[in-house]
Protein backbone atom coordinates (compact mmCIF):
# COMPACT_ATOMS: atom_id res chain seq x y z
CA MET A 1 0.00 0.00 0.00
CA ASN A 2 1.47 3.30 -1.07
CA VAL A 3 1.03 5.98 1.61
CA ASP A 4 3.06 8.77 -0.05
CA ARG A 5 -0.03 10.88 -0.88
CA ILE A 6 -1.29 10.65 2.70
CA ASN A 7 2.17 11.43 4.10
CA GLN A 8 2.15 14.71 2.16
CA ILE A 9 -1.14 15.68 3.82
CA ILE A 10 0.00 14.59 7.30
CA TYR A 11 3.25 16.54 7.24
CA GLU A 12 1.73 19.79 5.85
CA LYS A 13 0.93 21.12 9.31
CA PRO A 14 1.23 20.01 12.95
CA ASN A 15 -1.17 17.31 14.14
CA LEU A 16 -1.26 14.36 16.56
CA SER A 17 0.81 12.12 14.26
CA THR A 18 3.63 14.64 13.99
CA ALA A 19 3.42 15.62 17.67
CA LEU A 20 3.95 12.01 18.79
CA GLY A 21 6.67 11.31 16.20
CA MET A 22 4.88 8.85 13.91
CA GLU A 23 6.38 7.86 10.57
CA PHE A 24 4.13 6.07 8.04
CA ILE A 25 5.63 3.49 5.70
CA SER A 26 4.41 2.05 2.39
CA THR A 27 4.25 -1.74 2.00
CA PRO A 28 4.13 -4.00 -1.07
CA GLU A 29 0.77 -5.50 -0.02
CA ASP A 30 -2.47 -3.69 -0.89
CA ASP A 31 -4.12 -4.56 2.44
CA THR A 32 -1.36 -3.58 4.87
CA CYS A 33 0.49 -0.50 6.02
CA MET A 34 3.03 0.28 8.70
CA ALA A 35 4.15 3.06 11.00
CA ARG A 36 7.12 3.58 13.31
CA MET A 37 7.43 5.68 16.43
CA LYS A 38 10.45 6.20 18.66
CA VAL A 39 9.60 6.08 22.37
CA ASP A 40 10.66 9.47 23.75
CA GLU A 41 9.45 12.43 25.80
CA ARG A 42 6.57 13.04 23.37
CA ASN A 43 4.83 9.71 23.95
CA ARG A 44 6.06 8.16 27.21
CA GLN A 45 4.59 7.98 30.69
CA PRO A 46 6.36 9.75 33.58
CA PHE A 47 7.82 6.30 34.43
CA GLY A 48 9.72 6.15 31.11
CA PHE A 49 7.51 3.62 29.30
CA LEU A 50 5.47 4.08 26.13
CA SER A 51 2.03 5.40 27.07
CA GLY A 52 -0.87 3.07 26.33
CA GLY A 53 -2.73 6.06 24.91
CA ALA A 54 0.14 6.75 22.52
CA SER A 55 0.02 3.10 21.40
CA LEU A 56 -3.71 3.40 20.69
CA ALA A 57 -3.13 6.68 18.86
CA LEU A 58 -0.45 5.01 16.72
CA ALA A 59 -2.82 2.15 15.88
CA GLU A 60 -5.74 4.45 15.04
CA ASN A 61 -3.55 6.70 12.92
CA VAL A 62 -1.92 3.89 10.91
CA ALA A 63 -5.36 2.37 10.24
CA GLY A 64 -6.60 5.82 9.20
CA VAL A 65 -3.67 6.22 6.82
CA GLY A 66 -4.51 2.82 5.36
CA SER A 67 -8.19 3.63 4.85
CA SER A 68 -7.32 7.04 3.40
CA SER A 69 -4.89 5.43 0.96
CA LEU A 70 -7.62 3.05 -0.20
CA CYS A 71 -10.29 5.77 -0.48
CA PRO A 72 -8.92 8.94 -2.11
CA GLY A 73 -11.23 11.90 -1.71
CA CYS A 74 -12.89 10.46 1.39
CA ALA A 75 -12.54 11.40 5.03
CA CYS A 76 -11.70 8.28 7.05
CA VAL A 77 -12.32 8.60 10.77
CA GLY A 78 -11.90 6.14 13.61
CA ILE A 79 -15.16 5.23 15.33
CA GLU A 80 -13.88 2.40 17.53
CA VAL A 81 -10.46 1.55 18.94
CA SER A 82 -9.93 -1.36 21.30
CA GLY A 83 -6.61 -2.74 22.37
CA SER A 84 -4.69 -4.88 24.79
CA HIS A 85 -1.21 -3.95 25.98
CA VAL A 86 0.84 -7.04 26.76
CA GLN A 87 4.35 -5.70 27.38
CA ALA A 88 6.04 -2.42 28.32
CA VAL A 89 8.47 -0.58 26.05
CA GLY A 90 11.11 1.70 27.51
CA GLU A 91 12.23 5.11 26.33
CA GLY A 92 14.78 4.92 23.54
CA ASP A 93 13.24 1.88 21.82
CA THR A 94 11.25 2.15 18.58
CA VAL A 95 7.88 0.50 18.04
CA THR A 96 6.45 -0.54 14.69
CA ALA A 97 2.72 -0.86 14.00
CA TYR A 98 1.70 -3.46 11.43
CA ALA A 99 -1.86 -2.83 10.22
CA ARG A 100 -3.83 -5.39 8.19
CA LEU A 101 -7.24 -4.71 6.68
CA GLN A 102 -9.79 -7.28 7.84
CA HIS A 103 -12.93 -5.83 6.22
CA ARG A 104 -13.32 -3.30 3.43
CA GLY A 105 -16.92 -2.21 3.12
CA LYS A 106 -18.34 0.87 1.44
CA THR A 107 -18.70 2.74 4.73
CA LEU A 108 -16.67 0.72 7.27
CA HIS A 109 -13.13 -0.61 7.33
CA VAL A 110 -11.92 -2.92 10.11
CA TRP A 111 -8.19 -3.21 10.82
CA THR A 112 -6.07 -5.30 13.16
CA VAL A 113 -2.88 -3.60 14.28
CA ASP A 114 -0.01 -5.35 16.02
CA ILE A 115 2.55 -3.09 17.65
CA LYS A 116 5.98 -4.62 18.21
CA ASN A 117 9.21 -3.44 19.83
CA SER A 118 12.56 -3.37 18.03
CA ALA A 119 13.16 -7.03 19.04
CA GLY A 120 9.93 -8.02 17.24
CA GLU A 121 8.04 -8.78 20.46
CA LEU A 122 4.33 -8.00 20.63
CA ILE A 123 3.57 -4.88 22.69
CA SER A 124 -0.07 -4.20 21.87
CA SER A 125 -2.80 -5.76 19.78
CA VAL A 126 -5.43 -3.29 18.58
CA ARG A 127 -8.64 -3.42 16.53
CA VAL A 128 -9.70 -0.24 14.72
CA THR A 129 -12.96 0.48 12.90
CA ASN A 130 -12.97 3.41 10.49
CA TYR A 131 -16.02 5.17 9.07
CA ILE A 132 -15.58 6.21 5.43
CA ILE A 133 -17.20 9.53 4.55
CA LYS A 134 -17.55 10.34 0.87
CA GLN A 135 -16.84 14.04 0.51
CA LYS A 136 -19.04 16.09 -1.76
CA LYS A 137 -17.38 17.65 -4.77
CA GLN A 138 -17.26 21.42 -4.62
CA ALA A 139 -18.46 23.43 -7.61
């Protein structure tokens, strides 16, 4: 999945993705996309571990990038995010989110997102549902 077009939109102005340090990556498969995020002062807890909220934000954002890549001209918004955190990640490590499309309907996309540390160990498993809004053409 090529995410170059979406990356241009994301990096035009500050937003949650840029504030937390997310980097979105194209993949050769049409139903997957990836994102990386270094664990640092932008996304860690006071204890020095990756915040669970930052993990969920990473998952929702990578799924949103995937849906947006599949649906040019549409607004793709998360309507449900549910995850389980199974291991802590310390500051200085980098996590990678692997998103796979499970359902591609006309108005709903369902993604599973596995977030892994730099050793390839599972950190969080997240399910994201996106609502696809067809935008009206302006005259």
